[in-house]
Amino acid sequence: MKNKPERISCILSILANRVGESISALASEIGVSDMTIRRDLHELSAQGYTTVINGVAILNDNQDGSKIKKDYFIHDERQSMSGSKEAIGLEACKLIEPNDIVLIDTGSTTECMLKHLNLDFPITVVGYTLNTMVACQNRSNISLICGGGFYHRNTELFDSPEGVALISRLNINKCFMAAAGVTSKGNLSCIEPYEFMYKKAAINSSSTRILLVDSSKFGKMRPCMFSNLSDFDMVITVSDIGGNWISLFEQSNLKYIIV
């Protein structure tokens, strides 16, 4: 059996070459118990080297070398990749048809759809965020469905079991979803655990699922994994992603629009 320094070295070496690895897989590869790996990861996390997300250990660096971001505020995110997000939002609006019931997810990329909803035909917009309510409240061609609950300022999301239940009861034509991270295995993650149930309800209630994601989200994992690329019908992104991601879309039988 490896001693503690050897185990620590092995863990860091394994995670340096992968997006993430489960505790049980690490234990099996290193030849120790899950409990031993948990103790080692607890120490590494306390020292700032690793993070454990839903039983998966990751280094505190993304594939592109950036730090894993744990704090999220939508007003900060609006300043990041703003041109790309605008282009994605505009392209997404082109997919909306008369009398569609569309859900617009939380996030600064999906938010960019709201300013381009200058449609001359009626639609219904489903949302659970303040920015969706404000953007749609005075538009005569838009019927608005929005659940209430506890207001989270960092995401502008209203959170309640009743809100999730409302989404689950609807028949949505198209949902436009955001992700804060996309891994090379196609796993999609978000920042806050309270987003999870809304995203799952939206995906399950929708006929067509469309992912809106800018290039800064690829190769990253965030605290809460909610879905996989294979659960979606289409992704809209920008041209500065690498060819390996396009290959991943194709492997997932996913249509894609590059703007």
Protein backbone atom coordinates (compact mmCIF):
# COMPACT_ATOMS: atom_id res chain seq x y z
CA MET A 1 0.00 0.00 0.00
CA LYS A 2 1.24 3.48 -0.85
CA ASN A 3 2.02 5.80 2.04
CA LYS A 4 0.31 9.16 2.34
CA PRO A 5 2.84 11.28 0.38
CA GLU A 6 2.79 8.71 -2.42
CA ARG A 7 -1.02 8.73 -2.49
CA ILE A 8 -1.14 12.52 -2.57
CA SER A 9 1.31 12.56 -5.45
CA CYS A 10 -0.73 9.96 -7.34
CA ILE A 11 -3.98 11.86 -6.83
CA LEU A 12 -2.50 15.11 -8.10
CA SER A 13 -0.90 13.35 -11.06
CA ILE A 14 -4.14 11.63 -12.06
CA LEU A 15 -6.24 14.79 -11.75
CA ALA A 16 -3.68 16.85 -13.67
CA ASN A 17 -4.42 14.76 -16.76
CA ARG A 18 -8.20 14.49 -16.45
CA VAL A 19 -11.16 16.84 -16.14
CA GLY A 20 -12.18 14.99 -12.98
CA GLU A 21 -12.32 11.55 -11.43
CA SER A 22 -14.70 9.88 -9.02
CA ILE A 23 -13.57 8.99 -5.52
CA SER A 24 -14.23 5.29 -6.15
CA ALA A 25 -12.20 5.34 -9.40
CA LEU A 26 -9.28 7.06 -7.64
CA ALA A 27 -9.43 4.51 -4.82
CA SER A 28 -9.42 1.62 -7.29
CA GLU A 29 -6.56 3.02 -9.34
CA ILE A 30 -4.38 3.79 -6.33
CA GLY A 31 -5.32 0.59 -4.52
CA VAL A 32 -6.81 1.97 -1.31
CA SER A 33 -10.27 2.34 0.20
CA ASP A 34 -12.75 5.08 -0.67
CA MET A 35 -12.46 6.33 2.91
CA THR A 36 -8.70 6.76 2.56
CA ILE A 37 -9.13 8.76 -0.65
CA ARG A 38 -11.81 10.89 1.00
CA ARG A 39 -9.41 11.75 3.83
CA ASP A 40 -6.63 12.60 1.37
CA LEU A 41 -8.96 14.76 -0.72
CA HIS A 42 -10.22 16.52 2.40
CA GLU A 43 -6.66 17.52 3.21
CA LEU A 44 -5.94 18.57 -0.37
CA SER A 45 -9.14 20.62 -0.43
CA ALA A 46 -8.21 22.34 2.84
CA GLN A 47 -4.90 23.30 1.23
CA GLY A 48 -6.69 24.66 -1.85
CA TYR A 49 -5.45 22.03 -4.32
CA THR A 50 -8.68 20.19 -5.11
CA THR A 51 -12.46 20.45 -5.01
CA VAL A 52 -14.91 17.57 -4.68
CA ILE A 53 -18.15 18.08 -6.62
CA ASN A 54 -20.89 15.45 -6.34
CA GLY A 55 -18.34 12.74 -5.55
CA VAL A 56 -15.97 13.81 -8.33
CA ALA A 57 -12.53 15.22 -7.49
CA ILE A 58 -11.04 17.97 -9.67
CA LEU A 59 -7.98 20.15 -9.48
CA ASN A 60 -8.58 23.80 -8.73
CA ASP A 61 -7.65 24.63 -12.30
CA ASN A 62 -9.66 24.15 -15.45
CA GLN A 63 -8.36 22.50 -18.61
CA ASP A 64 -7.46 25.93 -19.99
CA GLY A 65 -5.37 26.75 -16.90
CA SER A 66 -7.88 29.14 -15.32
CA LYS A 67 -8.98 28.79 -11.71
CA ILE A 68 -12.25 27.07 -10.89
CA LYS A 69 -14.67 29.81 -10.04
CA LYS A 70 -16.87 29.16 -7.04
CA ASP A 71 -18.48 32.59 -6.60
CA TYR A 72 -20.92 33.78 -9.24
CA PHE A 73 -22.63 37.12 -9.74
CA ILE A 74 -24.59 37.68 -12.92
CA HIS A 75 -23.71 41.38 -13.05
CA ASP A 76 -20.03 40.39 -13.32
CA GLU A 77 -20.73 37.73 -15.93
CA ARG A 78 -22.50 40.26 -18.15
CA GLN A 79 -19.13 41.90 -18.78
CA SER A 80 -17.44 38.65 -19.84
CA MET A 81 -17.57 37.51 -23.49
CA SER A 82 -20.37 40.04 -24.05
CA GLY A 83 -19.98 40.13 -27.84
CA SER A 84 -20.17 36.36 -28.13
CA LYS A 85 -23.18 36.18 -25.85
CA GLU A 86 -24.99 38.83 -27.86
CA ALA A 87 -24.40 36.89 -31.09
CA ILE A 88 -25.58 33.65 -29.48
CA GLY A 89 -28.72 35.30 -28.07
CA LEU A 90 -29.62 36.85 -31.42
CA GLU A 91 -29.18 33.52 -33.23
CA ALA A 92 -31.30 31.72 -30.62
CA CYS A 93 -34.20 34.13 -31.18
CA LYS A 94 -34.27 33.15 -34.86
CA LEU A 95 -35.42 29.68 -33.81
CA ILE A 96 -38.62 30.97 -32.16
CA GLU A 97 -41.82 30.49 -34.15
CA PRO A 98 -45.34 31.95 -33.76
CA ASN A 99 -47.22 30.69 -30.70
CA ASP A 100 -44.18 28.88 -29.33
CA ILE A 101 -43.96 28.32 -25.59
CA VAL A 102 -40.29 28.96 -24.84
CA LEU A 103 -38.37 28.72 -21.60
CA ILE A 104 -35.39 31.01 -21.04
CA ASP A 105 -32.99 29.73 -18.40
CA THR A 106 -31.00 31.73 -15.88
CA GLY A 107 -27.59 33.05 -16.98
CA SER A 108 -25.91 35.95 -18.74
CA THR A 109 -25.89 34.18 -22.13
CA THR A 110 -29.57 33.23 -22.18
CA GLU A 111 -30.31 36.73 -20.86
CA CYS A 112 -29.04 38.12 -24.18
CA MET A 113 -32.09 36.61 -25.87
CA LEU A 114 -34.38 38.94 -23.97
CA LYS A 115 -33.35 42.13 -25.75
CA HIS A 116 -33.83 40.45 -29.14
CA LEU A 117 -37.39 39.26 -28.56
CA ASN A 118 -38.70 42.02 -30.83
CA LEU A 119 -41.01 39.62 -32.61
CA ASP A 120 -44.13 40.57 -34.54
CA PHE A 121 -45.99 37.40 -33.57
CA PRO A 122 -47.32 36.04 -30.26
CA ILE A 123 -45.29 33.73 -28.02
CA THR A 124 -45.33 32.59 -24.42
CA VAL A 125 -42.17 32.99 -22.36
CA VAL A 126 -41.58 30.81 -19.31
CA GLY A 127 -38.95 31.89 -16.81
CA TYR A 128 -37.89 31.90 -13.20
CA THR A 129 -35.62 34.94 -13.09
CA LEU A 130 -36.08 38.64 -12.42
CA ASN A 131 -34.40 39.65 -15.68
CA THR A 132 -36.93 37.60 -17.66
CA MET A 133 -39.87 39.17 -15.82
CA VAL A 134 -38.59 42.71 -16.33
CA ALA A 135 -37.76 42.20 -20.01
CA CYS A 136 -41.16 40.69 -20.89
CA GLN A 137 -43.57 42.49 -18.59
CA ASN A 138 -44.66 45.24 -21.04
CA ARG A 139 -44.42 43.40 -24.35
CA SER A 140 -47.96 42.99 -25.68
CA ASN A 141 -47.11 40.02 -27.93
CA ILE A 142 -45.56 38.03 -25.06
CA SER A 143 -47.54 36.05 -22.51
CA LEU A 144 -45.38 35.55 -19.42
CA ILE A 145 -45.36 32.58 -17.05
CA CYS A 146 -43.04 32.96 -14.09
CA GLY A 147 -42.85 31.15 -10.76
CA GLY A 148 -41.96 32.95 -7.55
CA GLY A 149 -40.04 32.10 -4.41
CA PHE A 150 -36.90 33.12 -2.57
CA TYR A 151 -34.88 35.61 -4.61
CA HIS A 152 -31.20 34.81 -5.13
CA ARG A 153 -29.47 38.06 -6.04
CA ASN A 154 -26.35 36.48 -7.51
CA THR A 155 -28.32 34.66 -10.25
CA GLU A 156 -31.58 36.69 -10.16
CA LEU A 157 -33.46 33.39 -9.80
CA PHE A 158 -36.67 32.94 -7.79
CA ASP A 159 -36.46 29.60 -6.00
CA SER A 160 -39.33 27.51 -4.62
CA PRO A 161 -40.70 23.94 -4.89
CA GLU A 162 -43.89 25.44 -6.32
CA GLY A 163 -41.88 27.13 -9.07
CA VAL A 164 -40.24 23.84 -10.03
CA ALA A 165 -43.63 22.09 -9.98
CA LEU A 166 -45.03 24.77 -12.29
CA ILE A 167 -42.27 24.18 -14.85
CA SER A 168 -42.83 20.43 -14.61
CA ARG A 169 -46.53 20.79 -15.53
CA LEU A 170 -45.97 22.81 -18.70
CA ASN A 171 -45.66 21.63 -22.29
CA ILE A 172 -42.73 23.72 -23.53
CA ASN A 173 -41.87 23.80 -27.23
CA LYS A 174 -38.29 25.01 -26.85
CA CYS A 175 -36.10 25.55 -23.81
CA PHE A 176 -32.99 27.68 -24.14
CA MET A 177 -30.57 26.51 -21.47
CA ALA A 178 -27.25 27.80 -20.17
CA ALA A 179 -24.30 25.96 -18.65
CA ALA A 180 -21.41 27.36 -16.64
CA GLY A 181 -19.18 24.43 -17.57
CA VAL A 182 -18.86 21.82 -20.33
CA THR A 183 -16.37 18.98 -19.87
CA SER A 184 -14.69 16.85 -22.54
CA LYS A 185 -17.08 14.03 -21.56
CA GLY A 186 -20.06 16.26 -22.36
CA ASN A 187 -21.04 16.86 -18.74
CA LEU A 188 -22.86 20.15 -18.14
CA SER A 189 -22.62 21.95 -14.81
CA CYS A 190 -23.92 25.09 -13.15
CA ILE A 191 -22.85 27.20 -10.20
CA GLU A 192 -25.59 26.88 -7.59
CA PRO A 193 -27.27 23.68 -6.30
CA TYR A 194 -30.66 25.43 -6.29
CA GLU A 195 -30.46 25.78 -10.09
CA PHE A 196 -30.42 22.00 -10.50
CA MET A 197 -34.13 21.25 -10.05
CA TYR A 198 -35.18 24.12 -12.34
CA LYS A 199 -32.85 22.98 -15.10
CA LYS A 200 -33.95 19.35 -14.80
CA ALA A 201 -37.63 20.33 -14.83
CA ALA A 202 -37.09 22.53 -17.89
CA ILE A 203 -35.24 19.82 -19.80
CA ASN A 204 -37.84 17.17 -18.94
CA SER A 205 -40.79 19.41 -19.91
CA SER A 206 -39.45 20.56 -23.28
CA SER A 207 -39.85 19.08 -26.74
CA THR A 208 -36.69 20.76 -28.07
CA ARG A 209 -33.69 21.51 -25.87
CA ILE A 210 -31.17 24.10 -27.01
CA LEU A 211 -27.93 24.87 -25.20
CA LEU A 212 -26.48 28.39 -25.40
CA VAL A 213 -22.83 28.49 -24.37
CA ASP A 214 -19.88 30.74 -25.16
CA SER A 215 -16.33 29.44 -25.64
CA SER A 216 -15.18 30.37 -22.12
CA LYS A 217 -17.35 27.58 -20.66
CA PHE A 218 -15.66 24.69 -22.48
CA GLY A 219 -13.17 22.59 -20.55
CA LYS A 220 -14.62 23.72 -17.22
CA MET A 221 -16.51 22.05 -14.42
CA ARG A 222 -18.67 23.95 -11.95
CA PRO A 223 -20.05 22.84 -8.57
CA CYS A 224 -23.32 21.24 -9.72
CA MET A 225 -23.58 18.80 -12.64
CA PHE A 226 -27.10 18.85 -14.10
CA SER A 227 -27.08 17.19 -17.51
CA ASN A 228 -25.08 15.97 -20.52
CA LEU A 229 -24.78 17.15 -24.09
CA SER A 230 -26.57 13.99 -25.18
CA ASP A 231 -29.75 15.30 -23.50
CA PHE A 232 -29.88 18.25 -25.92
CA ASP A 233 -30.99 18.64 -29.51
CA MET A 234 -28.86 21.61 -30.46
CA VAL A 235 -26.05 23.83 -29.21
CA ILE A 236 -25.41 27.43 -30.25
CA THR A 237 -21.86 28.64 -29.65
CA VAL A 238 -19.10 30.72 -31.22
CA SER A 239 -16.38 30.08 -33.76
CA ASP A 240 -13.39 30.27 -31.40
CA ILE A 241 -14.03 26.85 -29.87
CA GLY A 242 -11.64 24.10 -30.92
CA GLY A 243 -12.41 21.37 -33.43
CA ASN A 244 -12.37 18.76 -30.67
CA TRP A 245 -15.56 20.27 -29.25
CA ILE A 246 -17.28 20.12 -32.62
CA SER A 247 -16.27 16.45 -32.79
CA LEU A 248 -17.86 15.97 -29.38
CA PHE A 249 -21.10 17.56 -30.65
CA GLU A 250 -21.12 15.17 -33.58
CA GLN A 251 -20.42 12.16 -31.36
CA SER A 252 -23.40 13.21 -29.23
CA ASN A 253 -25.64 13.44 -32.36
CA LEU A 254 -26.08 17.09 -31.54
CA LYS A 255 -26.93 19.73 -34.12
CA TYR A 256 -24.86 22.86 -33.73
CA ILE A 257 -24.86 26.46 -34.89
CA ILE A 258 -21.58 28.36 -34.86
CA VAL A 259 -21.91 32.17 -34.89
